[in-house]
């Protein structure tokens, strides 16, 4: 799964499987989100929600999880 297209008329929210992942990855997304928003996409960092890797998440959510991290 992944993000293949985004609509400039919708607002997307990045959510994380755990609070630890949110703390780890949010700083990495900060500059990229500034650039994406300046380009006309509406993406913001959200909170924590459970992720089921076997199905799609809620509409307009970009879910972040880890399956294996050495």
C-alpha atoms as a PDB file:
ATOM      1  CA  UNK A   1       0.000   0.000   0.000  1.00  0.00           C
ATOM      2  CA  UNK A   2       1.062   3.588  -0.376  1.00  0.00           C
ATOM      3  CA  UNK A   3       0.004   7.039  -1.483  1.00  0.00           C
ATOM      4  CA  UNK A   4      -0.391   7.148  -5.254  1.00  0.00           C
ATOM      5  CA  UNK A   5      -2.410  10.327  -5.742  1.00  0.00           C
ATOM      6  CA  UNK A   6      -3.661  13.268  -3.713  1.00  0.00           C
ATOM      7  CA  UNK A   7      -6.433  15.754  -4.405  1.00  0.00           C
ATOM      8  CA  UNK A   8      -5.799  19.449  -3.767  1.00  0.00           C
ATOM      9  CA  UNK A   9      -9.470  19.837  -2.799  1.00  0.00           C
ATOM     10  CA  UNK A  10      -9.199  17.470   0.198  1.00  0.00           C
ATOM     11  CA  UNK A  11      -7.338  17.727   3.498  1.00  0.00           C
ATOM     12  CA  UNK A  12      -5.256  14.694   4.428  1.00  0.00           C
ATOM     13  CA  UNK A  13      -4.179  13.810   7.949  1.00  0.00           C
ATOM     14  CA  UNK A  14      -1.061  11.812   8.760  1.00  0.00           C
ATOM     15  CA  UNK A  15      -1.746   9.531  11.723  1.00  0.00           C
ATOM     16  CA  UNK A  16       0.549   7.168  13.588  1.00  0.00           C
ATOM     17  CA  UNK A  17       0.148   3.697  15.052  1.00  0.00           C
ATOM     18  CA  UNK A  18       1.809   4.709  18.350  1.00  0.00           C
ATOM     19  CA  UNK A  19       2.743   7.873  20.222  1.00  0.00           C
ATOM     20  CA  UNK A  20       6.400   6.832  20.008  1.00  0.00           C
ATOM     21  CA  UNK A  21       6.210   6.718  16.199  1.00  0.00           C
ATOM     22  CA  UNK A  22       4.521  10.124  16.135  1.00  0.00           C
ATOM     23  CA  UNK A  23       7.338  11.574  18.244  1.00  0.00           C
ATOM     24  CA  UNK A  24       9.978   9.888  16.069  1.00  0.00           C
ATOM     25  CA  UNK A  25       8.639  10.809  12.623  1.00  0.00           C
ATOM     26  CA  UNK A  26       6.869  14.168  13.019  1.00  0.00           C
ATOM     27  CA  UNK A  27      10.123  16.190  12.945  1.00  0.00           C
ATOM     28  CA  UNK A  28      11.055  14.499   9.649  1.00  0.00           C
ATOM     29  CA  UNK A  29       7.741  15.475   8.053  1.00  0.00           C
ATOM     30  CA  UNK A  30       7.768  19.129   9.117  1.00  0.00           C
ATOM     31  CA  UNK A  31       9.780  20.595   6.222  1.00  0.00           C
ATOM     32  CA  UNK A  32       8.206  18.304   3.616  1.00  0.00           C
ATOM     33  CA  UNK A  33       4.700  19.281   4.733  1.00  0.00           C
ATOM     34  CA  UNK A  34       5.552  22.973   4.399  1.00  0.00           C
ATOM     35  CA  UNK A  35       6.590  22.341   0.792  1.00  0.00           C
ATOM     36  CA  UNK A  36       3.564  20.165  -0.013  1.00  0.00           C
ATOM     37  CA  UNK A  37       1.150  22.695   1.469  1.00  0.00           C
ATOM     38  CA  UNK A  38       2.866  25.506  -0.466  1.00  0.00           C
ATOM     39  CA  UNK A  39       2.354  23.437  -3.637  1.00  0.00           C
ATOM     40  CA  UNK A  40      -1.393  23.330  -3.003  1.00  0.00           C
ATOM     41  CA  UNK A  41      -1.892  20.045  -1.174  1.00  0.00           C
ATOM     42  CA  UNK A  42      -3.486  20.132   2.263  1.00  0.00           C
ATOM     43  CA  UNK A  43      -1.723  17.696   4.575  1.00  0.00           C
ATOM     44  CA  UNK A  44      -1.421  17.969   8.342  1.00  0.00           C
ATOM     45  CA  UNK A  45      -0.013  15.865  11.155  1.00  0.00           C
ATOM     46  CA  UNK A  46      -2.705  14.263  13.274  1.00  0.00           C
ATOM     47  CA  UNK A  47      -2.674  11.985  16.256  1.00  0.00           C
ATOM     48  CA  UNK A  48      -2.486   8.313  17.054  1.00  0.00           C
ATOM     49  CA  UNK A  49      -4.936   5.702  15.750  1.00  0.00           C
ATOM     50  CA  UNK A  50      -4.747   1.921  15.396  1.00  0.00           C
ATOM     51  CA  UNK A  51      -3.451   0.697  12.044  1.00  0.00           C
ATOM     52  CA  UNK A  52      -4.566  -2.568  10.444  1.00  0.00           C
ATOM     53  CA  UNK A  53      -2.095  -3.380   7.672  1.00  0.00           C
ATOM     54  CA  UNK A  54      -4.647  -5.727   6.084  1.00  0.00           C
ATOM     55  CA  UNK A  55      -7.128  -3.010   5.172  1.00  0.00           C
ATOM     56  CA  UNK A  56      -7.301   0.624   4.172  1.00  0.00           C
ATOM     57  CA  UNK A  57      -7.538   3.231   6.895  1.00  0.00           C
ATOM     58  CA  UNK A  58     -10.139   5.983   7.201  1.00  0.00           C
ATOM     59  CA  UNK A  59     -10.718   8.233   4.211  1.00  0.00           C
ATOM     60  CA  UNK A  60      -8.068  10.916   3.728  1.00  0.00           C
ATOM     61  CA  UNK A  61      -5.770   9.498   6.408  1.00  0.00           C
ATOM     62  CA  UNK A  62      -2.161   8.628   5.666  1.00  0.00           C
ATOM     63  CA  UNK A  63      -1.346   6.025   8.287  1.00  0.00           C
ATOM     64  CA  UNK A  64       2.223   5.463   9.470  1.00  0.00           C
ATOM     65  CA  UNK A  65       3.261   2.164  11.038  1.00  0.00           C
ATOM     66  CA  UNK A  66       6.275  -0.104  11.222  1.00  0.00           C
ATOM     67  CA  UNK A  67       6.279  -3.787  10.456  1.00  0.00           C
ATOM     68  CA  UNK A  68       9.943  -4.342  11.258  1.00  0.00           C
ATOM     69  CA  UNK A  69      12.579  -1.966  12.496  1.00  0.00           C
ATOM     70  CA  UNK A  70      16.052  -3.433  13.114  1.00  0.00           C
END
